[in-house]
């Protein structure tokens, strides 16, 4: 972006969605130091109920529920952190997009739009950052600037 204030507008949804993913949605499914105590999760452990929930989606999800549960929880918790700091923004945005497509169109299939809306919002923010990257206020930008100078 040519002006710094445009990057401020770009970072705002990245910070907001990254925070919600890492500290709310992801932390409830994936063991992080700030996971709620009632989840009783160890570091990088997936909540016991999540693979069963994933298996109910059927098909490939039923064949490998542990893998898909771990990947979904990882994408939310670690991907949210990566969005906050702007590290490997495009990679983690892709993982978040995949997770949110499953959440919106498989987990909440047939539900009303209000139940799909959080996943769709995360999906569109991640899509924006997949295309545009992290912007001037990201670790990606600093690393690229250092490598090219």
Protein backbone atom coordinates (compact mmCIF):
# COMPACT_ATOMS: atom_id res chain seq x y z
CA UNK A 1 0.00 0.00 0.00
CA UNK A 2 1.35 3.43 -0.82
CA UNK A 3 0.22 5.09 2.44
CA UNK A 4 0.71 3.89 6.03
CA UNK A 5 -2.92 4.59 6.95
CA UNK A 6 -4.05 2.09 4.31
CA UNK A 7 -1.98 -0.55 6.09
CA UNK A 8 -3.67 0.43 9.37
CA UNK A 9 -7.00 -0.36 7.72
CA UNK A 10 -5.55 -3.68 6.54
CA UNK A 11 -4.20 -4.66 9.96
CA UNK A 12 -7.42 -3.95 11.87
CA UNK A 13 -9.43 -7.01 10.72
CA UNK A 14 -6.24 -9.12 10.84
CA UNK A 15 -5.70 -8.27 14.52
CA UNK A 16 -9.35 -8.64 15.47
CA UNK A 17 -9.90 -11.98 13.74
CA UNK A 18 -6.48 -13.29 14.77
CA UNK A 19 -7.28 -12.48 18.40
CA UNK A 20 -10.68 -14.17 18.28
CA UNK A 21 -9.27 -17.25 16.57
CA UNK A 22 -6.25 -17.64 18.86
CA UNK A 23 -7.74 -16.65 22.20
CA UNK A 24 -11.35 -17.76 21.89
CA UNK A 25 -12.26 -20.28 19.19
CA UNK A 26 -8.87 -21.98 18.89
CA UNK A 27 -7.94 -21.95 22.58
CA UNK A 28 -11.13 -23.82 23.46
CA UNK A 29 -10.16 -26.67 21.10
CA UNK A 30 -6.35 -26.61 21.15
CA UNK A 31 -4.17 -26.51 24.25
CA UNK A 32 -2.52 -23.12 24.56
CA UNK A 33 -1.12 -21.45 27.70
CA UNK A 34 -4.25 -19.26 27.81
CA UNK A 35 -6.79 -22.03 27.12
CA UNK A 36 -9.71 -21.87 29.56
CA UNK A 37 -8.94 -23.96 32.67
CA UNK A 38 -12.21 -25.87 32.34
CA UNK A 39 -11.01 -27.38 29.03
CA UNK A 40 -8.16 -29.09 30.94
CA UNK A 41 -5.97 -29.16 27.81
CA UNK A 42 -2.23 -29.72 27.78
CA UNK A 43 -0.08 -27.72 25.37
CA UNK A 44 -0.96 -28.53 21.72
CA UNK A 45 -3.55 -31.09 22.80
CA UNK A 46 -6.88 -31.21 20.94
CA UNK A 47 -10.07 -31.20 23.02
CA UNK A 48 -11.35 -34.75 23.54
CA UNK A 49 -14.74 -33.99 21.98
CA UNK A 50 -13.46 -32.38 18.79
CA UNK A 51 -12.43 -35.52 16.79
CA UNK A 52 -15.87 -37.03 17.49
CA UNK A 53 -17.48 -33.83 16.24
CA UNK A 54 -15.33 -33.91 13.09
CA UNK A 55 -16.12 -37.60 12.44
CA UNK A 56 -19.81 -36.72 12.21
CA UNK A 57 -19.11 -34.75 9.01
CA UNK A 58 -18.70 -38.13 7.28
CA UNK A 59 -16.56 -39.15 4.32
CA UNK A 60 -12.86 -38.36 4.62
CA UNK A 61 -13.48 -36.63 7.95
CA UNK A 62 -14.84 -39.89 9.39
CA UNK A 63 -11.77 -41.80 8.17
CA UNK A 64 -9.24 -39.40 9.76
CA UNK A 65 -11.06 -37.44 12.48
CA UNK A 66 -7.98 -36.99 14.68
CA UNK A 67 -5.94 -35.51 11.85
CA UNK A 68 -8.66 -33.11 10.70
CA UNK A 69 -9.48 -32.10 14.28
CA UNK A 70 -5.82 -31.36 14.97
CA UNK A 71 -5.43 -29.41 11.71
CA UNK A 72 -8.59 -27.38 12.32
CA UNK A 73 -7.69 -26.56 15.91
CA UNK A 74 -4.10 -25.75 14.86
CA UNK A 75 -5.31 -23.47 12.07
CA UNK A 76 -7.50 -21.56 14.50
CA UNK A 77 -5.14 -21.26 17.47
CA UNK A 78 -1.71 -21.02 15.82
CA UNK A 79 -3.11 -19.45 12.64
CA UNK A 80 -4.75 -16.78 14.76
CA UNK A 81 -1.44 -15.99 16.42
CA UNK A 82 0.27 -15.87 13.03
CA UNK A 83 -2.36 -13.41 11.80
CA UNK A 84 -1.84 -11.18 14.83
CA UNK A 85 1.90 -10.86 14.27
CA UNK A 86 1.72 -11.14 10.48
CA UNK A 87 3.99 -14.17 10.19
CA UNK A 88 3.59 -16.43 7.15
CA UNK A 89 0.31 -14.63 6.63
CA UNK A 90 -0.56 -16.22 3.31
CA UNK A 91 0.19 -19.78 4.49
CA UNK A 92 -1.88 -19.48 7.65
CA UNK A 93 -4.63 -17.61 5.78
CA UNK A 94 -4.92 -20.61 3.46
CA UNK A 95 -5.22 -22.98 6.45
CA UNK A 96 -7.84 -20.73 8.04
CA UNK A 97 -9.78 -20.56 4.77
CA UNK A 98 -9.86 -24.37 4.56
CA UNK A 99 -11.00 -24.63 8.19
CA UNK A 100 -13.68 -21.97 7.79
CA UNK A 101 -15.02 -23.54 4.60
CA UNK A 102 -15.55 -26.75 6.57
CA UNK A 103 -17.07 -24.84 9.48
CA UNK A 104 -19.46 -22.81 7.33
CA UNK A 105 -20.51 -25.35 4.73
CA UNK A 106 -20.10 -28.75 6.40
CA UNK A 107 -20.40 -28.22 10.15
CA UNK A 108 -23.22 -25.69 9.80
CA UNK A 109 -24.75 -27.11 6.61
CA UNK A 110 -28.45 -26.42 6.56
CA UNK A 111 -28.19 -24.00 9.47
CA UNK A 112 -29.40 -20.46 9.17
CA UNK A 113 -27.02 -17.73 8.07
CA UNK A 114 -26.48 -16.45 11.62
CA UNK A 115 -24.77 -19.70 12.61
CA UNK A 116 -22.57 -19.60 9.50
CA UNK A 117 -21.70 -15.91 9.84
CA UNK A 118 -18.66 -16.17 12.20
CA UNK A 119 -16.97 -18.75 9.98
CA UNK A 120 -17.76 -16.73 6.85
CA UNK A 121 -16.34 -13.56 8.41
CA UNK A 122 -13.08 -15.34 9.30
CA UNK A 123 -13.04 -16.85 5.82
CA UNK A 124 -13.28 -13.47 4.08
CA UNK A 125 -10.66 -11.83 6.30
CA UNK A 126 -8.31 -14.76 5.62
CA UNK A 127 -9.09 -14.54 1.90
CA UNK A 128 -8.16 -10.85 1.94
CA UNK A 129 -4.82 -11.65 3.58
CA UNK A 130 -4.17 -14.60 1.30
CA UNK A 131 -4.34 -12.18 -1.62
CA UNK A 132 -2.78 -9.07 -0.07
CA UNK A 133 -0.40 -10.50 2.51
CA UNK A 134 0.19 -9.02 5.94
CA UNK A 135 0.97 -5.48 4.85
CA UNK A 136 3.52 -3.02 6.19
CA UNK A 137 2.77 -3.85 9.83
CA UNK A 138 3.75 -7.52 9.75
CA UNK A 139 6.75 -9.69 10.42
CA UNK A 140 6.52 -10.87 6.80
CA UNK A 141 7.13 -7.29 5.64
CA UNK A 142 10.11 -6.86 7.95
CA UNK A 143 11.66 -10.14 6.85
CA UNK A 144 11.15 -9.35 3.18
CA UNK A 145 12.57 -5.86 3.62
CA UNK A 146 15.63 -7.24 5.41
CA UNK A 147 16.21 -9.92 2.74
CA UNK A 148 15.98 -7.47 -0.15
CA UNK A 149 18.26 -4.82 1.35
